[in-house]
Amino acid sequence: MHSRSTTIIGAGVAVALLGALMVFVYAHNLRGSAGAASGSSVGAYVVTAPITAGTTGSGLTGEIKATSVPTAARPADAVTSLTQLTGLVSLRRLEPGEVLTTSQFGTAGTPSTDTSGLVIPAGMNAVSVNVPNPQDVAGYVSPGDKVNIFMTSRDIAGIVPGAPAEQSARLLLSNVGVLSTVVANTPAAVAPVPATGPEVWTLALSPTDTEKLLVAVQYEQLWFSLVHPGDPPAVTTGQVATSITK
């Protein structure tokens, strides 16, 4: 009887020890998996000081440092060895915090294709202009919209030869694409809708239309209107002070 009790007790202890061992192994594996997931990082080079365009890759020393970054934050073309930059130069200014990539470098004289996210249509120039309230349609213009640009002129006849004899307003450019809208003095922030203050708009214009805009900005006053999506370019004859009452 005593032998049977001892056997039963021994078996119970063995089962308990086996269960404890299984729990320990499971918990250890779970901690290992969690640690691997939370600490997933890879090596990269990060810019620590501004790097001007044209800087040789082999000359980078105090402007960068080797560090670890989250796997998801490292670009696919991240530099993993500085030998990848041998004989290359930076194609644009690099700012602190950027991960060093091979696309930021090229042979001397290579034009940069990096426009910092600004998508410029082929054949167009990106041109920025200050737009105050309420000429900015009260802040309701967003990137991707089309706008008409109107120009108003003062009565300066007799002061400037060939100037209009009276005040006028006319359509200067129609269906101009808006690439970005930024609240003035806050370059990193996209303007809210509606904006609460003056804005800086970046427009897509041909070189010829850019010339027209620059003359108007310099010597006249501009007003903008938001175009209904899908509407074709507008054509008007303009108005003068005496024609608006007819």
Protein backbone atom coordinates (compact mmCIF):
# COMPACT_ATOMS: atom_id res chain seq x y z
CA MET A 1 0.00 0.00 0.00
CA HIS A 2 2.82 2.29 0.99
CA SER A 3 4.67 1.49 -2.24
CA ARG A 4 1.57 2.25 -4.31
CA SER A 5 1.09 5.67 -2.61
CA THR A 6 4.72 6.53 -3.19
CA THR A 7 4.39 5.67 -6.87
CA ILE A 8 1.28 7.85 -7.25
CA ILE A 9 2.94 10.79 -5.50
CA GLY A 10 6.06 10.43 -7.63
CA ALA A 11 4.02 10.39 -10.81
CA GLY A 12 2.17 13.53 -9.73
CA VAL A 13 5.40 15.36 -9.02
CA ALA A 14 6.77 14.34 -12.43
CA VAL A 15 3.67 15.61 -14.20
CA ALA A 16 3.87 18.89 -12.29
CA LEU A 17 7.53 19.35 -13.16
CA LEU A 18 6.86 18.58 -16.82
CA GLY A 19 4.01 21.14 -16.89
CA ALA A 20 6.21 23.79 -15.28
CA LEU A 21 8.95 23.10 -17.79
CA MET A 22 6.55 23.47 -20.73
CA VAL A 23 5.21 26.77 -19.35
CA PHE A 24 8.79 28.05 -18.93
CA VAL A 25 9.78 27.12 -22.49
CA TYR A 26 6.60 28.71 -23.92
CA ALA A 27 7.13 31.96 -21.99
CA HIS A 28 10.78 32.11 -23.04
CA ASN A 29 9.90 31.68 -26.70
CA LEU A 30 7.14 34.28 -26.44
CA ARG A 31 9.51 36.84 -24.93
CA GLY A 32 12.05 36.13 -27.63
CA SER A 33 9.50 36.67 -30.39
CA ALA A 34 8.22 39.90 -28.86
CA GLY A 35 11.76 41.20 -28.43
CA ALA A 36 12.61 40.47 -32.05
CA ALA A 37 9.46 42.22 -33.31
CA SER A 38 9.90 45.34 -31.15
CA GLY A 39 13.62 45.65 -31.88
CA SER A 40 13.48 45.14 -35.63
CA SER A 41 16.05 47.56 -37.03
CA VAL A 42 18.72 47.74 -39.70
CA GLY A 43 21.92 49.67 -40.24
CA ALA A 44 21.96 52.91 -42.22
CA TYR A 45 23.76 56.22 -42.58
CA VAL A 46 21.88 59.31 -41.36
CA VAL A 47 22.71 62.93 -42.19
CA THR A 48 23.73 64.90 -39.07
CA ALA A 49 24.72 68.23 -40.67
CA PRO A 50 23.60 69.95 -43.90
CA ILE A 51 25.31 68.60 -47.02
CA THR A 52 25.43 71.02 -49.94
CA ALA A 53 24.79 69.93 -53.51
CA GLY A 54 27.97 68.82 -55.24
CA THR A 55 29.62 67.36 -52.13
CA THR A 56 31.69 64.28 -52.99
CA GLY A 57 30.49 61.04 -51.45
CA SER A 58 34.03 60.07 -50.47
CA GLY A 59 34.41 63.37 -48.62
CA LEU A 60 31.57 62.78 -46.17
CA THR A 61 32.88 62.55 -42.62
CA GLY A 62 31.32 64.61 -39.85
CA GLU A 63 28.09 65.22 -41.78
CA ILE A 64 26.83 61.64 -41.41
CA LYS A 65 26.81 58.85 -38.86
CA ALA A 66 26.25 55.09 -38.99
CA THR A 67 23.28 54.10 -36.90
CA SER A 68 20.29 51.77 -36.71
CA VAL A 69 16.86 52.74 -38.01
CA PRO A 70 13.54 50.88 -37.99
CA THR A 71 13.36 48.48 -40.89
CA ALA A 72 10.25 50.19 -42.26
CA ALA A 73 11.98 53.59 -42.20
CA ARG A 74 15.01 52.59 -44.29
CA PRO A 75 14.54 53.32 -48.04
CA ALA A 76 15.12 50.46 -50.45
CA ASP A 77 18.15 52.29 -51.92
CA ALA A 78 19.69 53.22 -48.57
CA VAL A 79 23.48 53.39 -48.56
CA THR A 80 24.91 50.40 -46.68
CA SER A 81 28.57 51.06 -47.49
CA LEU A 82 30.25 54.38 -48.25
CA THR A 83 32.09 52.68 -51.09
CA GLN A 84 28.79 52.90 -53.00
CA LEU A 85 29.36 56.66 -53.22
CA THR A 86 32.88 56.52 -54.62
CA GLY A 87 33.20 58.98 -57.52
CA LEU A 88 29.72 60.41 -56.94
CA VAL A 89 28.47 63.81 -55.69
CA SER A 90 25.28 64.86 -53.93
CA LEU A 91 22.65 66.02 -56.43
CA ARG A 92 20.84 68.29 -53.99
CA ARG A 93 21.15 69.72 -50.50
CA LEU A 94 20.66 67.05 -47.85
CA GLU A 95 19.18 67.98 -44.49
CA PRO A 96 19.87 66.52 -41.01
CA GLY A 97 17.72 63.49 -40.28
CA GLU A 98 17.61 62.19 -43.85
CA VAL A 99 18.68 58.61 -44.48
CA LEU A 100 21.51 58.50 -47.01
CA THR A 101 20.42 56.87 -50.29
CA THR A 102 22.13 56.14 -53.59
CA SER A 103 19.51 58.17 -55.52
CA GLN A 104 20.71 61.32 -53.73
CA PHE A 105 24.06 60.98 -55.52
CA GLY A 106 25.25 60.84 -59.11
CA THR A 107 28.15 61.75 -61.34
CA ALA A 108 29.11 65.42 -61.49
CA GLY A 109 26.80 67.26 -63.88
CA THR A 110 23.93 64.78 -63.52
CA PRO A 111 20.62 66.67 -63.21
CA SER A 112 18.64 65.85 -60.09
CA THR A 113 15.21 64.29 -60.57
CA ASP A 114 14.30 64.81 -56.92
CA THR A 115 11.68 67.57 -56.56
CA SER A 116 10.86 66.76 -52.92
CA GLY A 117 7.47 65.36 -53.78
CA LEU A 118 6.41 68.20 -56.09
CA VAL A 119 5.04 66.61 -59.25
CA ILE A 120 5.75 69.02 -62.13
CA PRO A 121 4.06 68.26 -65.48
CA ALA A 122 6.43 67.86 -68.42
CA GLY A 123 7.17 71.17 -70.15
CA MET A 124 5.98 73.20 -67.17
CA ASN A 125 7.76 75.25 -64.52
CA ALA A 126 6.85 75.33 -60.83
CA VAL A 127 6.34 79.00 -59.90
CA SER A 128 5.39 80.29 -56.45
CA VAL A 129 3.38 83.43 -55.77
CA ASN A 130 2.15 85.18 -52.62
CA VAL A 131 -1.64 85.15 -52.42
CA PRO A 132 -3.33 87.27 -49.71
CA ASN A 133 -6.91 87.11 -48.48
CA PRO A 134 -9.46 87.37 -50.04
CA GLN A 135 -7.72 86.97 -53.42
CA ASP A 136 -6.98 83.35 -52.47
CA VAL A 137 -10.68 82.34 -52.61
CA ALA A 138 -10.74 82.47 -48.79
CA GLY A 139 -8.38 79.51 -48.55
CA TYR A 140 -10.57 76.99 -50.36
CA VAL A 141 -8.00 76.18 -53.06
CA SER A 142 -6.10 72.90 -52.62
CA PRO A 143 -3.29 71.15 -54.51
CA GLY A 144 -4.68 69.62 -57.71
CA ASP A 145 -7.27 72.35 -58.23
CA LYS A 146 -7.44 74.59 -61.29
CA VAL A 147 -7.65 78.36 -60.96
CA ASN A 148 -8.24 81.33 -63.22
CA ILE A 149 -5.94 84.32 -62.69
CA PHE A 150 -7.36 87.81 -63.19
CA MET A 151 -5.36 91.04 -63.37
CA THR A 152 -6.60 94.47 -62.35
CA SER A 153 -4.91 97.67 -63.54
CA ARG A 154 -5.06 101.18 -62.12
CA ASP A 155 -5.73 104.31 -64.15
CA ILE A 156 -2.19 105.54 -64.86
CA ALA A 157 -2.80 107.25 -68.19
CA GLY A 158 -0.51 110.27 -68.52
CA ILE A 159 1.98 108.78 -66.08
CA VAL A 160 3.16 105.82 -68.14
CA PRO A 161 3.13 106.15 -71.95
CA GLY A 162 0.75 103.65 -73.56
CA ALA A 163 -0.95 102.81 -70.26
CA PRO A 164 -4.73 102.15 -70.18
CA ALA A 165 -6.89 105.24 -69.94
CA GLU A 166 -8.99 103.80 -67.11
CA GLN A 167 -9.14 101.07 -64.54
CA SER A 168 -9.48 97.59 -66.01
CA ALA A 169 -9.80 93.93 -65.11
CA ARG A 170 -9.19 91.01 -67.42
CA LEU A 171 -8.50 87.31 -67.43
CA LEU A 172 -4.75 86.77 -67.53
CA LEU A 173 -4.46 82.95 -67.43
CA SER A 174 -7.08 80.19 -67.30
CA ASN A 175 -7.13 76.68 -65.87
CA VAL A 176 -3.78 76.99 -64.15
CA GLY A 177 -2.82 73.88 -62.16
CA VAL A 178 -2.09 74.34 -58.46
CA LEU A 179 0.80 72.15 -57.29
CA SER A 180 0.84 73.16 -53.63
CA THR A 181 -0.73 75.61 -51.18
CA VAL A 182 1.22 76.61 -48.10
CA VAL A 183 0.33 79.02 -45.30
CA ALA A 184 2.76 81.94 -45.46
CA ASN A 185 5.74 81.72 -43.07
CA THR A 186 5.05 78.05 -42.26
CA PRO A 187 6.85 76.19 -45.08
CA ALA A 188 6.37 72.74 -43.55
CA ALA A 189 2.59 72.97 -43.17
CA VAL A 190 0.02 72.52 -45.89
CA ALA A 191 -2.60 75.24 -45.72
CA PRO A 192 -5.83 74.26 -43.95
CA VAL A 193 -9.18 74.65 -45.69
CA PRO A 194 -10.11 77.39 -45.37
CA ALA A 195 -6.76 79.05 -44.69
CA THR A 196 -6.61 81.63 -41.91
CA GLY A 197 -4.00 83.90 -43.47
CA PRO A 198 -1.95 84.73 -46.56
CA GLU A 199 -0.72 81.76 -48.57
CA VAL A 200 2.05 80.85 -50.98
CA TRP A 201 0.81 78.91 -54.00
CA THR A 202 3.06 76.98 -56.35
CA LEU A 203 1.60 76.87 -59.86
CA ALA A 204 2.42 74.86 -62.98
CA LEU A 205 3.06 77.27 -65.85
CA SER A 206 4.74 77.26 -69.23
CA PRO A 207 7.76 79.58 -69.54
CA THR A 208 5.66 82.04 -71.59
CA ASP A 209 2.85 82.11 -69.03
CA THR A 210 5.44 82.47 -66.28
CA GLU A 211 6.62 85.70 -67.93
CA LYS A 212 3.06 87.01 -68.00
CA LEU A 213 2.56 86.17 -64.35
CA LEU A 214 5.81 87.84 -63.29
CA VAL A 215 4.91 91.10 -65.05
CA ALA A 216 1.46 91.07 -63.47
CA VAL A 217 2.83 90.31 -60.00
CA GLN A 218 5.37 93.10 -60.29
CA TYR A 219 3.14 95.86 -61.67
CA GLU A 220 -0.51 94.94 -61.21
CA GLN A 221 -2.84 93.24 -58.74
CA LEU A 222 -3.97 89.63 -59.07
CA TRP A 223 -7.19 87.89 -58.11
CA PHE A 224 -7.83 84.16 -58.33
CA SER A 225 -10.99 82.15 -58.89
CA LEU A 226 -11.52 78.43 -58.28
CA VAL A 227 -12.50 76.60 -61.48
CA HIS A 228 -15.34 74.07 -61.46
CA PRO A 229 -13.79 70.60 -62.02
CA GLY A 230 -13.87 69.69 -65.70
CA ASP A 231 -14.62 73.15 -67.04
CA PRO A 232 -12.59 74.12 -70.16
CA PRO A 233 -10.28 77.17 -70.22
CA ALA A 234 -12.23 80.42 -70.11
CA VAL A 235 -12.05 83.23 -72.68
CA THR A 236 -13.15 86.79 -71.86
CA THR A 237 -12.81 90.25 -73.39
CA GLY A 238 -12.02 92.04 -70.14
CA GLN A 239 -13.75 94.98 -68.54
CA VAL A 240 -12.98 98.67 -67.92
CA ALA A 241 -14.57 101.10 -65.50
CA THR A 242 -17.07 102.42 -68.07
CA SER A 243 -18.05 99.01 -69.51
CA ILE A 244 -19.29 97.45 -66.28
CA THR A 245 -22.30 99.77 -66.17
CA LYS A 246 -23.45 99.00 -69.73
